[in-house]
Amino acid sequence: MNKHFNKFSENQKGFTIIELIVVIAIIAVLAAIVLVNVTSFINKGKDAAAEGNLSSLMTNGAVFYSDKGSYNGWITTSGANIGEGTGDATYVSVFNALINAGYTPVTASCSDGVPCTSNSTSWCASVVMKATPSKSFCVDSTGKKILGDTGNATGDATCGDSASSYPGLCP
């Protein structure tokens, strides 16, 4: 019986358990490397979509002001959940799209706070980027689109003059 067992071992073809474990470990390491790189590209794509969504607010805000003569009703609330951002239908649809994409908080303000009133002379909206959380993208009623460092907000509801003077999230 022992001879038969040895003869079977010598003719056996296949992989040892060690070889299989090594191959599985190599595949796991390669999968982890790919996953990290793919995630960063996905976040960059989401950031580009968020910038596009916010940029559309500039045009729509100008049309709203042209139609109404003020920003009264443009932004009535800002928040971090669906249904918390209220105001004009265009603002609400952009706000909800950003929240659905995982951008919280979406910060928006008018020159006299939230909500925008008939005295509002300007507005801004911003989100913190996913690919680079130290950066925020801000758009405002003056036509500025700024990607800058998240930081000290100012009270004038504009994005600042340049990326270096960017006031951070809208007040």
Protein backbone atom coordinates (compact mmCIF):
# COMPACT_ATOMS: atom_id res chain seq x y z
CA MET A 1 0.00 0.00 0.00
CA ASN A 2 2.88 2.33 0.77
CA LYS A 3 4.36 1.67 -2.69
CA HIS A 4 1.09 2.56 -4.30
CA PHE A 5 0.88 5.85 -2.36
CA ASN A 6 4.44 6.89 -3.32
CA LYS A 7 3.82 6.01 -6.95
CA PHE A 8 0.65 8.15 -6.89
CA SER A 9 2.61 11.11 -5.40
CA GLU A 10 5.31 10.98 -8.03
CA ASN A 11 2.85 11.04 -10.92
CA GLN A 12 0.54 13.68 -9.40
CA LYS A 13 0.33 16.93 -11.35
CA GLY A 14 -0.93 20.28 -9.99
CA PHE A 15 -0.03 23.14 -7.69
CA THR A 16 0.99 22.96 -4.06
CA ILE A 17 -0.91 24.93 -1.46
CA ILE A 18 2.07 27.28 -1.02
CA GLU A 19 2.09 28.12 -4.71
CA LEU A 20 -1.63 28.87 -4.63
CA ILE A 21 -1.28 31.11 -1.55
CA VAL A 22 1.56 33.06 -3.18
CA VAL A 23 -0.49 33.64 -6.35
CA ILE A 24 -3.52 34.77 -4.33
CA ALA A 25 -1.35 37.18 -2.31
CA ILE A 26 0.11 38.71 -5.48
CA ILE A 27 -3.36 39.17 -6.95
CA ALA A 28 -4.58 40.81 -3.73
CA VAL A 29 -1.69 43.31 -3.72
CA LEU A 30 -2.28 44.22 -7.38
CA ALA A 31 -6.03 44.63 -6.76
CA ALA A 32 -5.36 46.98 -3.82
CA ILE A 33 -3.05 49.14 -5.95
CA VAL A 34 -5.61 49.36 -8.76
CA LEU A 35 -8.45 50.16 -6.35
CA VAL A 36 -6.59 53.12 -4.84
CA ASN A 37 -5.83 54.59 -8.26
CA VAL A 38 -9.35 54.05 -9.59
CA THR A 39 -10.90 55.70 -6.52
CA SER A 40 -8.86 58.87 -7.05
CA PHE A 41 -9.97 59.06 -10.71
CA ILE A 42 -13.61 58.56 -9.69
CA ASN A 43 -13.32 61.42 -7.17
CA LYS A 44 -11.71 63.68 -9.79
CA GLY A 45 -14.63 62.93 -12.11
CA LYS A 46 -17.14 63.75 -9.37
CA ASP A 47 -15.28 67.00 -8.65
CA ALA A 48 -15.49 67.98 -12.33
CA ALA A 49 -19.24 67.30 -12.29
CA ALA A 50 -19.63 69.37 -9.10
CA GLU A 51 -17.72 72.27 -10.68
CA GLY A 52 -20.01 72.08 -13.71
CA ASN A 53 -23.13 72.01 -11.54
CA LEU A 54 -22.00 75.02 -9.53
CA SER A 55 -20.93 76.87 -12.67
CA SER A 56 -24.45 76.51 -14.07
CA LEU A 57 -25.70 78.47 -11.05
CA MET A 58 -23.89 81.60 -12.24
CA THR A 59 -25.87 81.77 -15.47
CA ASN A 60 -29.11 80.81 -13.77
CA GLY A 61 -28.51 83.35 -11.00
CA ALA A 62 -28.01 86.08 -13.57
CA VAL A 63 -31.24 85.11 -15.33
CA PHE A 64 -33.06 85.02 -11.98
CA TYR A 65 -31.78 88.52 -11.11
CA SER A 66 -32.67 89.81 -14.58
CA ASP A 67 -36.21 88.44 -14.29
CA LYS A 68 -36.90 89.43 -10.68
CA GLY A 69 -34.73 92.52 -10.19
CA SER A 70 -33.18 91.08 -7.00
CA TYR A 71 -31.94 87.82 -5.50
CA ASN A 72 -35.01 87.60 -3.25
CA GLY A 73 -35.94 83.88 -3.24
CA TRP A 74 -32.82 82.67 -5.05
CA ILE A 75 -31.47 80.86 -1.96
CA THR A 76 -33.78 80.48 1.03
CA THR A 77 -31.90 77.80 3.00
CA SER A 78 -28.61 75.94 2.83
CA GLY A 79 -27.92 72.58 4.43
CA ALA A 80 -26.38 69.14 4.30
CA ASN A 81 -29.34 66.94 3.33
CA ILE A 82 -31.87 66.57 0.52
CA GLY A 83 -34.69 68.98 1.15
CA GLU A 84 -32.62 71.36 3.28
CA GLY A 85 -31.55 73.53 0.36
CA THR A 86 -34.51 75.59 -0.74
CA GLY A 87 -35.08 78.52 -3.05
CA ASP A 88 -35.37 78.83 -6.80
CA ALA A 89 -36.00 75.50 -8.57
CA THR A 90 -32.65 75.70 -10.41
CA TYR A 91 -30.74 76.26 -7.17
CA VAL A 92 -32.61 73.39 -5.50
CA SER A 93 -31.92 70.96 -8.36
CA VAL A 94 -28.18 71.76 -8.31
CA PHE A 95 -28.13 71.58 -4.51
CA ASN A 96 -29.82 68.15 -4.52
CA ALA A 97 -27.53 66.84 -7.29
CA LEU A 98 -24.49 67.81 -5.22
CA ILE A 99 -25.92 66.21 -2.07
CA ASN A 100 -26.72 63.02 -4.02
CA ALA A 101 -23.11 62.91 -5.20
CA GLY A 102 -21.94 63.03 -1.58
CA TYR A 103 -20.91 66.68 -1.36
CA THR A 104 -21.71 67.93 2.14
CA PRO A 105 -21.98 70.57 3.18
CA VAL A 106 -23.04 72.58 0.19
CA THR A 107 -22.53 76.10 1.47
CA ALA A 108 -24.48 79.00 0.03
CA SER A 109 -25.06 82.53 1.18
CA CYS A 110 -26.26 85.94 0.08
CA SER A 111 -24.77 89.32 0.95
CA ASP A 112 -27.30 89.70 3.76
CA GLY A 113 -27.16 86.04 4.87
CA VAL A 114 -29.60 83.24 4.20
CA PRO A 115 -32.26 83.60 2.92
CA CYS A 116 -31.62 85.98 0.08
CA THR A 117 -33.86 89.03 0.44
CA SER A 118 -34.75 91.97 -1.77
CA ASN A 119 -31.68 93.70 -0.25
CA SER A 120 -29.30 90.96 -1.40
CA THR A 121 -26.69 92.31 -3.77
CA SER A 122 -24.61 89.16 -4.24
CA TRP A 123 -24.52 85.43 -3.53
CA CYS A 124 -22.00 82.59 -3.55
CA ALA A 125 -22.07 78.79 -3.34
CA SER A 126 -19.24 76.34 -2.68
CA VAL A 127 -18.38 72.71 -1.99
CA VAL A 128 -15.29 70.98 -0.63
CA MET A 129 -13.63 68.85 -3.31
CA LYS A 130 -13.45 65.05 -2.87
CA ALA A 131 -10.11 64.46 -4.61
CA THR A 132 -8.42 67.26 -2.64
CA PRO A 133 -10.38 67.96 0.58
CA SER A 134 -8.14 70.96 1.34
CA LYS A 135 -9.67 72.70 -1.71
CA SER A 136 -13.12 74.17 -2.25
CA PHE A 137 -14.77 75.29 -5.45
CA CYS A 138 -16.72 78.53 -5.20
CA VAL A 139 -18.94 80.39 -7.67
CA ASP A 140 -20.61 83.72 -7.10
CA SER A 141 -22.89 86.32 -8.62
CA THR A 142 -19.97 88.35 -9.99
CA GLY A 143 -19.04 85.51 -12.36
CA LYS A 144 -16.06 84.20 -10.40
CA LYS A 145 -15.25 80.51 -10.39
CA ILE A 146 -12.44 79.85 -7.95
CA LEU A 147 -10.79 76.61 -6.82
CA GLY A 148 -8.90 77.57 -3.70
CA ASP A 149 -7.89 76.56 -0.23
CA THR A 150 -10.71 75.93 2.20
CA GLY A 151 -10.39 78.46 4.96
CA ASN A 152 -11.35 81.82 6.36
CA ALA A 153 -14.74 82.92 5.11
CA THR A 154 -15.57 86.56 4.52
CA GLY A 155 -18.95 88.17 4.90
CA ASP A 156 -19.42 89.71 1.45
CA ALA A 157 -20.83 86.57 -0.25
CA THR A 158 -18.25 86.58 -3.02
CA CYS A 159 -15.43 84.17 -3.77
CA GLY A 160 -12.53 86.60 -3.57
CA ASP A 161 -10.30 87.92 -6.33
CA SER A 162 -7.99 84.95 -6.88
CA ALA A 163 -7.16 81.50 -5.60
CA SER A 164 -4.70 83.03 -3.13
CA SER A 165 -7.30 85.39 -1.66
CA TYR A 166 -10.12 82.87 -1.82
CA PRO A 167 -12.22 83.27 1.31
CA GLY A 168 -12.91 79.57 1.68
CA LEU A 169 -16.43 78.37 2.07
CA CYS A 170 -19.11 80.94 1.47
CA PRO A 171 -20.15 82.63 4.70
